[in-house]
Amino acid sequence: YDQREKAQRDYEWAISGAREEGREEGREEGREEGREEGREEGREEGKLAGQIQLLEQLLGEAPTGDGELLPQGIDALTKRMSDLQKRLRDRES
């Protein structure tokens, strides 16, 4: 009986350890995926900011600084770029 109890406890301990190890591996994978997504999003925001600054220069305006553009996020930057592109097209017509 004692050996069976010990075997059951050992089994439960091993399962518990395996679960914790799996959770930790999952957390690490999630962190790495998050870092990669953040890097990609940062690159995209940087490209948009550069395009906005170029469009502003083409329109004869002072380019907006990175510190003001980058915190706005991709959606706001995309809209701003579209507005500037429209203004440039309208000016050329």
PDB file of N, CA and C in Angstrom:
ATOM      1  N   TYR A   1       0.824  -1.188   0.000  1.00  0.00           N
ATOM      2  CA  TYR A   1       0.000   0.000   0.000  1.00  0.00           C
ATOM      3  C   TYR A   1       0.877   1.265   0.000  1.00  0.00           C
ATOM      4  N   ASP A   2       1.922   1.273   0.862  1.00  0.00           N
ATOM      5  CA  ASP A   2       2.800   2.428   0.954  1.00  0.00           C
ATOM      6  C   ASP A   2       3.528   2.679  -0.375  1.00  0.00           C
ATOM      7  N   GLN A   3       3.963   1.603  -1.009  1.00  0.00           N
ATOM      8  CA  GLN A   3       4.663   1.751  -2.286  1.00  0.00           C
ATOM      9  C   GLN A   3       3.721   2.317  -3.355  1.00  0.00           C
ATOM     10  N   ARG A   4       2.495   1.881  -3.340  1.00  0.00           N
ATOM     11  CA  ARG A   4       1.512   2.365  -4.297  1.00  0.00           C
ATOM     12  C   ARG A   4       1.219   3.853  -4.067  1.00  0.00           C
ATOM     13  N   GLU A   5       1.099   4.243  -2.802  1.00  0.00           N
ATOM     14  CA  GLU A   5       0.886   5.652  -2.460  1.00  0.00           C
ATOM     15  C   GLU A   5       2.069   6.502  -2.936  1.00  0.00           C
ATOM     16  N   LYS A   6       3.287   5.994  -2.691  1.00  0.00           N
ATOM     17  CA  LYS A   6       4.481   6.722  -3.111  1.00  0.00           C
ATOM     18  C   LYS A   6       4.529   6.822  -4.627  1.00  0.00           C
ATOM     19  N   ALA A   7       4.216   5.761  -5.317  1.00  0.00           N
ATOM     20  CA  ALA A   7       4.213   5.781  -6.781  1.00  0.00           C
ATOM     21  C   ALA A   7       3.190   6.788  -7.299  1.00  0.00           C
ATOM     22  N   GLN A   8       2.025   6.842  -6.677  1.00  0.00           N
ATOM     23  CA  GLN A   8       0.995   7.795  -7.088  1.00  0.00           C
ATOM     24  C   GLN A   8       1.470   9.238  -6.868  1.00  0.00           C
ATOM     25  N   ARG A   9       2.084   9.509  -5.727  1.00  0.00           N
ATOM     26  CA  ARG A   9       2.605  10.856  -5.454  1.00  0.00           C
ATOM     27  C   ARG A   9       3.715  11.220  -6.433  1.00  0.00           C
ATOM     28  N   ASP A  10       4.607  10.272  -6.717  1.00  0.00           N
ATOM     29  CA  ASP A  10       5.684  10.521  -7.681  1.00  0.00           C
ATOM     30  C   ASP A  10       5.121  10.843  -9.058  1.00  0.00           C
ATOM     31  N   TYR A  11       4.102  10.100  -9.451  1.00  0.00           N
ATOM     32  CA  TYR A  11       3.465  10.315 -10.751  1.00  0.00           C
ATOM     33  C   TYR A  11       2.837  11.718 -10.802  1.00  0.00           C
ATOM     34  N   GLU A  12       2.098  12.068  -9.777  1.00  0.00           N
ATOM     35  CA  GLU A  12       1.455  13.383  -9.740  1.00  0.00           C
ATOM     36  C   GLU A  12       2.496  14.502  -9.717  1.00  0.00           C
ATOM     37  N   TRP A  13       3.593  14.306  -9.011  1.00  0.00           N
ATOM     38  CA  TRP A  13       4.657  15.292  -8.964  1.00  0.00           C
ATOM     39  C   TRP A  13       5.291  15.457 -10.351  1.00  0.00           C
ATOM     40  N   ALA A  14       5.516  14.341 -11.045  1.00  0.00           N
ATOM     41  CA  ALA A  14       6.110  14.392 -12.382  1.00  0.00           C
ATOM     42  C   ALA A  14       5.180  15.109 -13.367  1.00  0.00           C
ATOM     43  N   ILE A  15       3.879  14.830 -13.288  1.00  0.00           N
ATOM     44  CA  ILE A  15       2.901  15.485 -14.160  1.00  0.00           C
ATOM     45  C   ILE A  15       2.882  16.987 -13.871  1.00  0.00           C
ATOM     46  N   SER A  16       2.874  17.336 -12.596  1.00  0.00           N
ATOM     47  CA  SER A  16       2.857  18.742 -12.206  1.00  0.00           C
ATOM     48  C   SER A  16       4.098  19.464 -12.735  1.00  0.00           C
ATOM     49  N   GLY A  17       5.241  18.845 -12.626  1.00  0.00           N
ATOM     50  CA  GLY A  17       6.487  19.434 -13.133  1.00  0.00           C
ATOM     51  C   GLY A  17       6.463  19.592 -14.647  1.00  0.00           C
ATOM     52  N   ALA A  18       5.930  18.594 -15.333  1.00  0.00           N
ATOM     53  CA  ALA A  18       5.849  18.667 -16.788  1.00  0.00           C
ATOM     54  C   ALA A  18       4.913  19.791 -17.218  1.00  0.00           C
ATOM     55  N   ARG A  19       3.805  19.950 -16.511  1.00  0.00           N
ATOM     56  CA  ARG A  19       2.867  21.029 -16.839  1.00  0.00           C
ATOM     57  C   ARG A  19       3.534  22.392 -16.653  1.00  0.00           C
ATOM     58  N   GLU A  20       4.233  22.555 -15.550  1.00  0.00           N
ATOM     59  CA  GLU A  20       4.902  23.834 -15.279  1.00  0.00           C
ATOM     60  C   GLU A  20       5.963  24.117 -16.332  1.00  0.00           C
ATOM     61  N   GLU A  21       6.700  23.098 -16.716  1.00  0.00           N
ATOM     62  CA  GLU A  21       7.715  23.262 -17.757  1.00  0.00           C
ATOM     63  C   GLU A  21       7.064  23.658 -19.081  1.00  0.00           C
ATOM     64  N   GLY A  22       5.940  23.038 -19.405  1.00  0.00           N
ATOM     65  CA  GLY A  22       5.212  23.382 -20.620  1.00  0.00           C
ATOM     66  C   GLY A  22       4.697  24.809 -20.591  1.00  0.00           C
ATOM     67  N   ARG A  23       4.181  25.218 -19.445  1.00  0.00           N
ATOM     68  CA  ARG A  23       3.708  26.605 -19.309  1.00  0.00           C
ATOM     69  C   ARG A  23       4.855  27.586 -19.525  1.00  0.00           C
ATOM     70  N   GLU A  24       6.002  27.316 -18.934  1.00  0.00           N
ATOM     71  CA  GLU A  24       7.150  28.214 -19.063  1.00  0.00           C
ATOM     72  C   GLU A  24       7.621  28.286 -20.517  1.00  0.00           C
ATOM     73  N   GLU A  25       7.650  27.149 -21.198  1.00  0.00           N
ATOM     74  CA  GLU A  25       8.031  27.154 -22.614  1.00  0.00           C
ATOM     75  C   GLU A  25       7.033  27.975 -23.424  1.00  0.00           C
ATOM     76  N   GLY A  26       5.756  27.826 -23.130  1.00  0.00           N
ATOM     77  CA  GLY A  26       4.718  28.593 -23.820  1.00  0.00           C
ATOM     78  C   GLY A  26       4.861  30.085 -23.578  1.00  0.00           C
ATOM     79  N   ARG A  27       5.149  30.441 -22.334  1.00  0.00           N
ATOM     80  CA  ARG A  27       5.353  31.862 -22.015  1.00  0.00           C
ATOM     81  C   ARG A  27       6.536  32.426 -22.793  1.00  0.00           C
ATOM     82  N   GLU A  28       7.620  31.695 -22.842  1.00  0.00           N
ATOM     83  CA  GLU A  28       8.815  32.158 -23.551  1.00  0.00           C
ATOM     84  C   GLU A  28       8.531  32.309 -25.041  1.00  0.00           C
ATOM     85  N   GLU A  29       7.837  31.353 -25.636  1.00  0.00           N
ATOM     86  CA  GLU A  29       7.477  31.453 -27.049  1.00  0.00           C
ATOM     87  C   GLU A  29       6.582  32.669 -27.282  1.00  0.00           C
ATOM     88  N   GLY A  30       5.657  32.897 -26.388  1.00  0.00           N
ATOM     89  CA  GLY A  30       4.769  34.050 -26.504  1.00  0.00           C
ATOM     90  C   GLY A  30       5.528  35.362 -26.413  1.00  0.00           C
ATOM     91  N   ARG A  31       6.482  35.424 -25.494  1.00  0.00           N
ATOM     92  CA  ARG A  31       7.289  36.637 -25.362  1.00  0.00           C
ATOM     93  C   ARG A  31       8.086  36.893 -26.641  1.00  0.00           C
ATOM     94  N   GLU A  32       8.674  35.849 -27.194  1.00  0.00           N
ATOM     95  CA  GLU A  32       9.478  35.995 -28.413  1.00  0.00           C
ATOM     96  C   GLU A  32       8.593  36.432 -29.584  1.00  0.00           C
ATOM     97  N   GLU A  33       7.412  35.843 -29.719  1.00  0.00           N
ATOM     98  CA  GLU A  33       6.501  36.250 -30.783  1.00  0.00           C
ATOM     99  C   GLU A  33       6.092  37.707 -30.602  1.00  0.00           C
ATOM    100  N   GLY A  34       5.846  38.108 -29.382  1.00  0.00           N
ATOM    101  CA  GLY A  34       5.478  39.496 -29.103  1.00  0.00           C
ATOM    102  C   GLY A  34       6.597  40.462 -29.456  1.00  0.00           C
ATOM    103  N   ARG A  35       7.831  40.079 -29.126  1.00  0.00           N
ATOM    104  CA  ARG A  35       8.965  40.942 -29.476  1.00  0.00           C
ATOM    105  C   ARG A  35       9.083  41.092 -30.989  1.00  0.00           C
ATOM    106  N   GLU A  36       8.928  39.991 -31.717  1.00  0.00           N
ATOM    107  CA  GLU A  36       9.036  40.035 -33.181  1.00  0.00           C
ATOM    108  C   GLU A  36       7.922  40.887 -33.779  1.00  0.00           C
ATOM    109  N   GLU A  37       6.699  40.730 -33.288  1.00  0.00           N
ATOM    110  CA  GLU A  37       5.595  41.547 -33.783  1.00  0.00           C
ATOM    111  C   GLU A  37       5.846  43.022 -33.487  1.00  0.00           C
ATOM    112  N   GLY A  38       6.391  43.315 -32.324  1.00  0.00           N
ATOM    113  CA  GLY A  38       6.715  44.691 -31.966  1.00  0.00           C
ATOM    114  C   GLY A  38       7.769  45.290 -32.884  1.00  0.00           C
ATOM    115  N   ARG A  39       8.779  44.493 -33.217  1.00  0.00           N
ATOM    116  CA  ARG A  39       9.817  44.975 -34.134  1.00  0.00           C
ATOM    117  C   ARG A  39       9.224  45.268 -35.502  1.00  0.00           C
ATOM    118  N   GLU A  40       8.371  44.364 -35.999  1.00  0.00           N
ATOM    119  CA  GLU A  40       7.747  44.560 -37.306  1.00  0.00           C
ATOM    120  C   GLU A  40       6.873  45.809 -37.311  1.00  0.00           C
ATOM    121  N   GLU A  41       6.091  45.987 -36.260  1.00  0.00           N
ATOM    122  CA  GLU A  41       5.228  47.158 -36.168  1.00  0.00           C
ATOM    123  C   GLU A  41       6.069  48.433 -36.090  1.00  0.00           C
ATOM    124  N   GLY A  42       7.159  48.395 -35.367  1.00  0.00           N
ATOM    125  CA  GLY A  42       8.049  49.546 -35.267  1.00  0.00           C
ATOM    126  C   GLY A  42       8.653  49.916 -36.614  1.00  0.00           C
ATOM    127  N   ARG A  43       9.042  48.904 -37.383  1.00  0.00           N
ATOM    128  CA  ARG A  43       9.589  49.176 -38.713  1.00  0.00           C
ATOM    129  C   ARG A  43       8.529  49.814 -39.605  1.00  0.00           C
ATOM    130  N   GLU A  44       7.311  49.307 -39.540  1.00  0.00           N
ATOM    131  CA  GLU A  44       6.212  49.849 -40.346  1.00  0.00           C
ATOM    132  C   GLU A  44       5.934  51.297 -39.959  1.00  0.00           C
ATOM    133  N   GLU A  45       5.895  51.590 -38.664  1.00  0.00           N
ATOM    134  CA  GLU A  45       5.677  52.964 -38.206  1.00  0.00           C
ATOM    135  C   GLU A  45       6.809  53.873 -38.680  1.00  0.00           C
ATOM    136  N   GLY A  46       8.025  53.379 -38.646  1.00  0.00           N
ATOM    137  CA  GLY A  46       9.170  54.165 -39.114  1.00  0.00           C
ATOM    138  C   GLY A  46       9.079  54.492 -40.596  1.00  0.00           C
ATOM    139  N   LYS A  47       8.670  53.514 -41.404  1.00  0.00           N
ATOM    140  CA  LYS A  47       8.504  53.748 -42.839  1.00  0.00           C
ATOM    141  C   LYS A  47       7.430  54.802 -43.093  1.00  0.00           C
ATOM    142  N   LEU A  48       6.298  54.655 -42.404  1.00  0.00           N
ATOM    143  CA  LEU A  48       5.218  55.620 -42.584  1.00  0.00           C
ATOM    144  C   LEU A  48       5.661  57.019 -42.175  1.00  0.00           C
ATOM    145  N   ALA A  49       6.371  57.129 -41.070  1.00  0.00           N
ATOM    146  CA  ALA A  49       6.847  58.436 -40.612  1.00  0.00           C
ATOM    147  C   ALA A  49       7.771  59.056 -41.656  1.00  0.00           C
ATOM    148  N   GLY A  50       8.652  58.272 -42.237  1.00  0.00           N
ATOM    149  CA  GLY A  50       9.556  58.776 -43.273  1.00  0.00           C
ATOM    150  C   GLY A  50       8.794  59.248 -44.502  1.00  0.00           C
ATOM    151  N   GLN A  51       7.768  58.493 -44.898  1.00  0.00           N
ATOM    152  CA  GLN A  51       6.971  58.896 -46.057  1.00  0.00           C
ATOM    153  C   GLN A  51       6.199  60.183 -45.771  1.00  0.00           C
ATOM    154  N   ILE A  52       5.670  60.304 -44.571  1.00  0.00           N
ATOM    155  CA  ILE A  52       4.953  61.523 -44.183  1.00  0.00           C
ATOM    156  C   ILE A  52       5.888  62.718 -44.232  1.00  0.00           C
ATOM    157  N   GLN A  53       7.082  62.558 -43.696  1.00  0.00           N
ATOM    158  CA  GLN A  53       8.044  63.651 -43.693  1.00  0.00           C
ATOM    159  C   GLN A  53       8.427  64.059 -45.117  1.00  0.00           C
ATOM    160  N   LEU A  54       8.586  63.092 -46.001  1.00  0.00           N
ATOM    161  CA  LEU A  54       8.907  63.388 -47.394  1.00  0.00           C
ATOM    162  C   LEU A  54       7.751  64.135 -48.067  1.00  0.00           C
ATOM    163  N   LEU A  55       6.530  63.680 -47.852  1.00  0.00           N
ATOM    164  CA  LEU A  55       5.365  64.354 -48.432  1.00  0.00           C
ATOM    165  C   LEU A  55       5.251  65.788 -47.913  1.00  0.00           C
ATOM    166  N   GLU A  56       5.513  65.972 -46.635  1.00  0.00           N
ATOM    167  CA  GLU A  56       5.465  67.322 -46.068  1.00  0.00           C
ATOM    168  C   GLU A  56       6.508  68.224 -46.741  1.00  0.00           C
ATOM    169  N   GLN A  57       7.699  67.687 -46.980  1.00  0.00           N
ATOM    170  CA  GLN A  57       8.737  68.466 -47.650  1.00  0.00           C
ATOM    171  C   GLN A  57       8.317  68.811 -49.078  1.00  0.00           C
ATOM    172  N   LEU A  58       7.719  67.840 -49.779  1.00  0.00           N
ATOM    173  CA  LEU A  58       7.269  68.085 -51.148  1.00  0.00           C
ATOM    174  C   LEU A  58       6.179  69.154 -51.193  1.00  0.00           C
ATOM    175  N   LEU A  59       5.402  69.258 -50.132  1.00  0.00           N
ATOM    176  CA  LEU A  59       4.358  70.268 -50.047  1.00  0.00           C
ATOM    177  C   LEU A  59       4.889  71.603 -49.539  1.00  0.00           C
ATOM    178  N   GLY A  60       6.188  71.667 -49.235  1.00  0.00           N
ATOM    179  CA  GLY A  60       6.799  72.894 -48.769  1.00  0.00           C
ATOM    180  C   GLY A  60       6.586  73.159 -47.292  1.00  0.00           C
ATOM    181  N   GLU A  61       6.253  72.139 -46.546  1.00  0.00           N
ATOM    182  CA  GLU A  61       6.020  72.267 -45.113  1.00  0.00           C
ATOM    183  C   GLU A  61       7.237  71.771 -44.342  1.00  0.00           C
ATOM    184  N   ALA A  62       7.345  72.224 -43.123  1.00  0.00           N
ATOM    185  CA  ALA A  62       8.405  71.700 -42.248  1.00  0.00           C
ATOM    186  C   ALA A  62       8.025  70.279 -41.837  1.00  0.00           C
ATOM    187  N   PRO A  63       8.953  69.339 -41.996  1.00  0.00           N
ATOM    188  CA  PRO A  63       8.625  67.949 -41.634  1.00  0.00           C
ATOM    189  C   PRO A  63       8.374  67.798 -40.131  1.00  0.00           C
ATOM    190  N   THR A  64       7.375  67.025 -39.812  1.00  0.00           N
ATOM    191  CA  THR A  64       7.052  66.718 -38.423  1.00  0.00           C
ATOM    192  C   THR A  64       8.114  65.778 -37.868  1.00  0.00           C
ATOM    193  N   GLY A  65       8.524  65.979 -36.651  1.00  0.00           N
ATOM    194  CA  GLY A  65       9.563  65.154 -36.034  1.00  0.00           C
ATOM    195  C   GLY A  65       9.083  63.748 -35.704  1.00  0.00           C
ATOM    196  N   ASP A  66      10.020  62.837 -35.651  1.00  0.00           N
ATOM    197  CA  ASP A  66       9.707  61.447 -35.305  1.00  0.00           C
ATOM    198  C   ASP A  66       9.027  61.350 -33.948  1.00  0.00           C
ATOM    199  N   GLY A  67       9.458  62.167 -33.009  1.00  0.00           N
ATOM    200  CA  GLY A  67       8.901  62.125 -31.663  1.00  0.00           C
ATOM    201  C   GLY A  67       7.414  62.424 -31.632  1.00  0.00           C
ATOM    202  N   GLU A  68       6.946  63.198 -32.584  1.00  0.00           N
ATOM    203  CA  GLU A  68       5.518  63.504 -32.661  1.00  0.00           C
ATOM    204  C   GLU A  68       4.764  62.464 -33.485  1.00  0.00           C
ATOM    205  N   LEU A  69       5.414  61.917 -34.506  1.00  0.00           N
ATOM    206  CA  LEU A  69       4.737  60.979 -35.405  1.00  0.00           C
ATOM    207  C   LEU A  69       4.613  59.566 -34.833  1.00  0.00           C
ATOM    208  N   LEU A  70       5.707  59.029 -34.343  1.00  0.00           N
ATOM    209  CA  LEU A  70       5.742  57.616 -33.974  1.00  0.00           C
ATOM    210  C   LEU A  70       4.742  57.214 -32.891  1.00  0.00           C
ATOM    211  N   PRO A  71       4.476  58.050 -31.889  1.00  0.00           N
ATOM    212  CA  PRO A  71       3.506  57.628 -30.870  1.00  0.00           C
ATOM    213  C   PRO A  71       2.062  57.531 -31.382  1.00  0.00           C
ATOM    214  N   GLN A  72       1.800  58.054 -32.580  1.00  0.00           N
ATOM    215  CA  GLN A  72       0.424  58.083 -33.083  1.00  0.00           C
ATOM    216  C   GLN A  72      -0.116  56.711 -33.458  1.00  0.00           C
ATOM    217  N   GLY A  73       0.713  55.784 -33.840  1.00  0.00           N
ATOM    218  CA  GLY A  73       0.254  54.452 -34.226  1.00  0.00           C
ATOM    219  C   GLY A  73       0.036  54.347 -35.725  1.00  0.00           C
ATOM    220  N   ILE A  74      -0.040  53.119 -36.194  1.00  0.00           N
ATOM    221  CA  ILE A  74      -0.094  52.847 -37.628  1.00  0.00           C
ATOM    222  C   ILE A  74      -1.351  53.424 -38.278  1.00  0.00           C
ATOM    223  N   ASP A  75      -2.502  53.267 -37.648  1.00  0.00           N
ATOM    224  CA  ASP A  75      -3.743  53.746 -38.254  1.00  0.00           C
ATOM    225  C   ASP A  75      -3.718  55.257 -38.473  1.00  0.00           C
ATOM    226  N   ALA A  76      -3.311  56.006 -37.461  1.00  0.00           N
ATOM    227  CA  ALA A  76      -3.259  57.465 -37.570  1.00  0.00           C
ATOM    228  C   ALA A  76      -2.212  57.887 -38.600  1.00  0.00           C
ATOM    229  N   LEU A  77      -1.071  57.196 -38.629  1.00  0.00           N
ATOM    230  CA  LEU A  77      -0.025  57.533 -39.591  1.00  0.00           C
ATOM    231  C   LEU A  77      -0.489  57.259 -41.017  1.00  0.00           C
ATOM    232  N   THR A  78      -1.182  56.154 -41.216  1.00  0.00           N
ATOM    233  CA  THR A  78      -1.690  55.814 -42.545  1.00  0.00           C
ATOM    234  C   THR A  78      -2.684  56.867 -43.022  1.00  0.00           C
ATOM    235  N   LYS A  79      -3.559  57.298 -42.147  1.00  0.00           N
ATOM    236  CA  LYS A  79      -4.537  58.323 -42.511  1.00  0.00           C
ATOM    237  C   LYS A  79      -3.836  59.637 -42.835  1.00  0.00           C
ATOM    238  N   ARG A  80      -2.882  60.009 -42.022  1.00  0.00           N
ATOM    239  CA  ARG A  80      -2.152  61.254 -42.265  1.00  0.00           C
ATOM    240  C   ARG A  80      -1.419  61.200 -43.597  1.00  0.00           C
ATOM    241  N   MET A  81      -0.803  60.065 -43.905  1.00  0.00           N
ATOM    242  CA  MET A  81      -0.105  59.917 -45.171  1.00  0.00           C
ATOM    243  C   MET A  81      -1.081  60.030 -46.336  1.00  0.00           C
ATOM    244  N   SER A  82      -2.239  59.408 -46.222  1.00  0.00           N
ATOM    245  CA  SER A  82      -3.252  59.485 -47.280  1.00  0.00           C
ATOM    246  C   SER A  82      -3.700  60.923 -47.504  1.00  0.00           C
ATOM    247  N   ASP A  83      -3.910  61.649 -46.415  1.00  0.00           N
ATOM    248  CA  ASP A  83      -4.313  63.053 -46.528  1.00  0.00           C
ATOM    249  C   ASP A  83      -3.244  63.877 -47.242  1.00  0.00           C
ATOM    250  N   LEU A  84      -1.993  63.656 -46.889  1.00  0.00           N
ATOM    251  CA  LEU A  84      -0.897  64.386 -47.531  1.00  0.00           C
ATOM    252  C   LEU A  84      -0.774  64.015 -49.007  1.00  0.00           C
ATOM    253  N   GLN A  85      -0.950  62.740 -49.331  1.00  0.00           N
ATOM    254  CA  GLN A  85      -0.899  62.315 -50.730  1.00  0.00           C
ATOM    255  C   GLN A  85      -2.007  62.985 -51.536  1.00  0.00           C
ATOM    256  N   LYS A  86      -3.195  63.078 -50.964  1.00  0.00           N
ATOM    257  CA  LYS A  86      -4.328  63.714 -51.632  1.00  0.00           C
ATOM    258  C   LYS A  86      -4.023  65.192 -51.863  1.00  0.00           C
ATOM    259  N   ARG A  87      -3.489  65.860 -50.847  1.00  0.00           N
ATOM    260  CA  ARG A  87      -3.145  67.274 -50.982  1.00  0.00           C
ATOM    261  C   ARG A  87      -2.102  67.477 -52.086  1.00  0.00           C
ATOM    262  N   LEU A  88      -1.145  66.578 -52.170  1.00  0.00           N
ATOM    263  CA  LEU A  88      -0.103  66.687 -53.186  1.00  0.00           C
ATOM    264  C   LEU A  88      -0.693  66.480 -54.580  1.00  0.00           C
ATOM    265  N   ARG A  89      -1.571  65.492 -54.718  1.00  0.00           N
ATOM    266  CA  ARG A  89      -2.230  65.243 -56.015  1.00  0.00           C
ATOM    267  C   ARG A  89      -3.089  66.444 -56.420  1.00  0.00           C
ATOM    268  N   ASP A  90      -3.841  66.989 -55.455  1.00  0.00           N
ATOM    269  CA  ASP A  90      -4.706  68.128 -55.746  1.00  0.00           C
ATOM    270  C   ASP A  90      -3.879  69.347 -56.154  1.00  0.00           C
ATOM    271  N   ARG A  91      -2.741  69.514 -55.550  1.00  0.00           N
ATOM    272  CA  ARG A  91      -1.861  70.648 -55.856  1.00  0.00           C
ATOM    273  C   ARG A  91      -1.313  70.545 -57.268  1.00  0.00           C
ATOM    274  N   GLU A  92      -1.049  69.308 -57.701  1.00  0.00           N
ATOM    275  CA  GLU A  92      -0.464  69.081 -59.008  1.00  0.00           C
ATOM    276  C   GLU A  92      -1.508  69.216 -60.129  1.00  0.00           C
ATOM    277  N   SER A  93      -2.790  69.175 -59.792  1.00  0.00           N
ATOM    278  CA  SER A  93      -3.833  69.238 -60.819  1.00  0.00           C
ATOM    279  C   SER A  93      -4.039  70.628 -61.350  1.00  0.00           C
TER     280      SER A  93
END
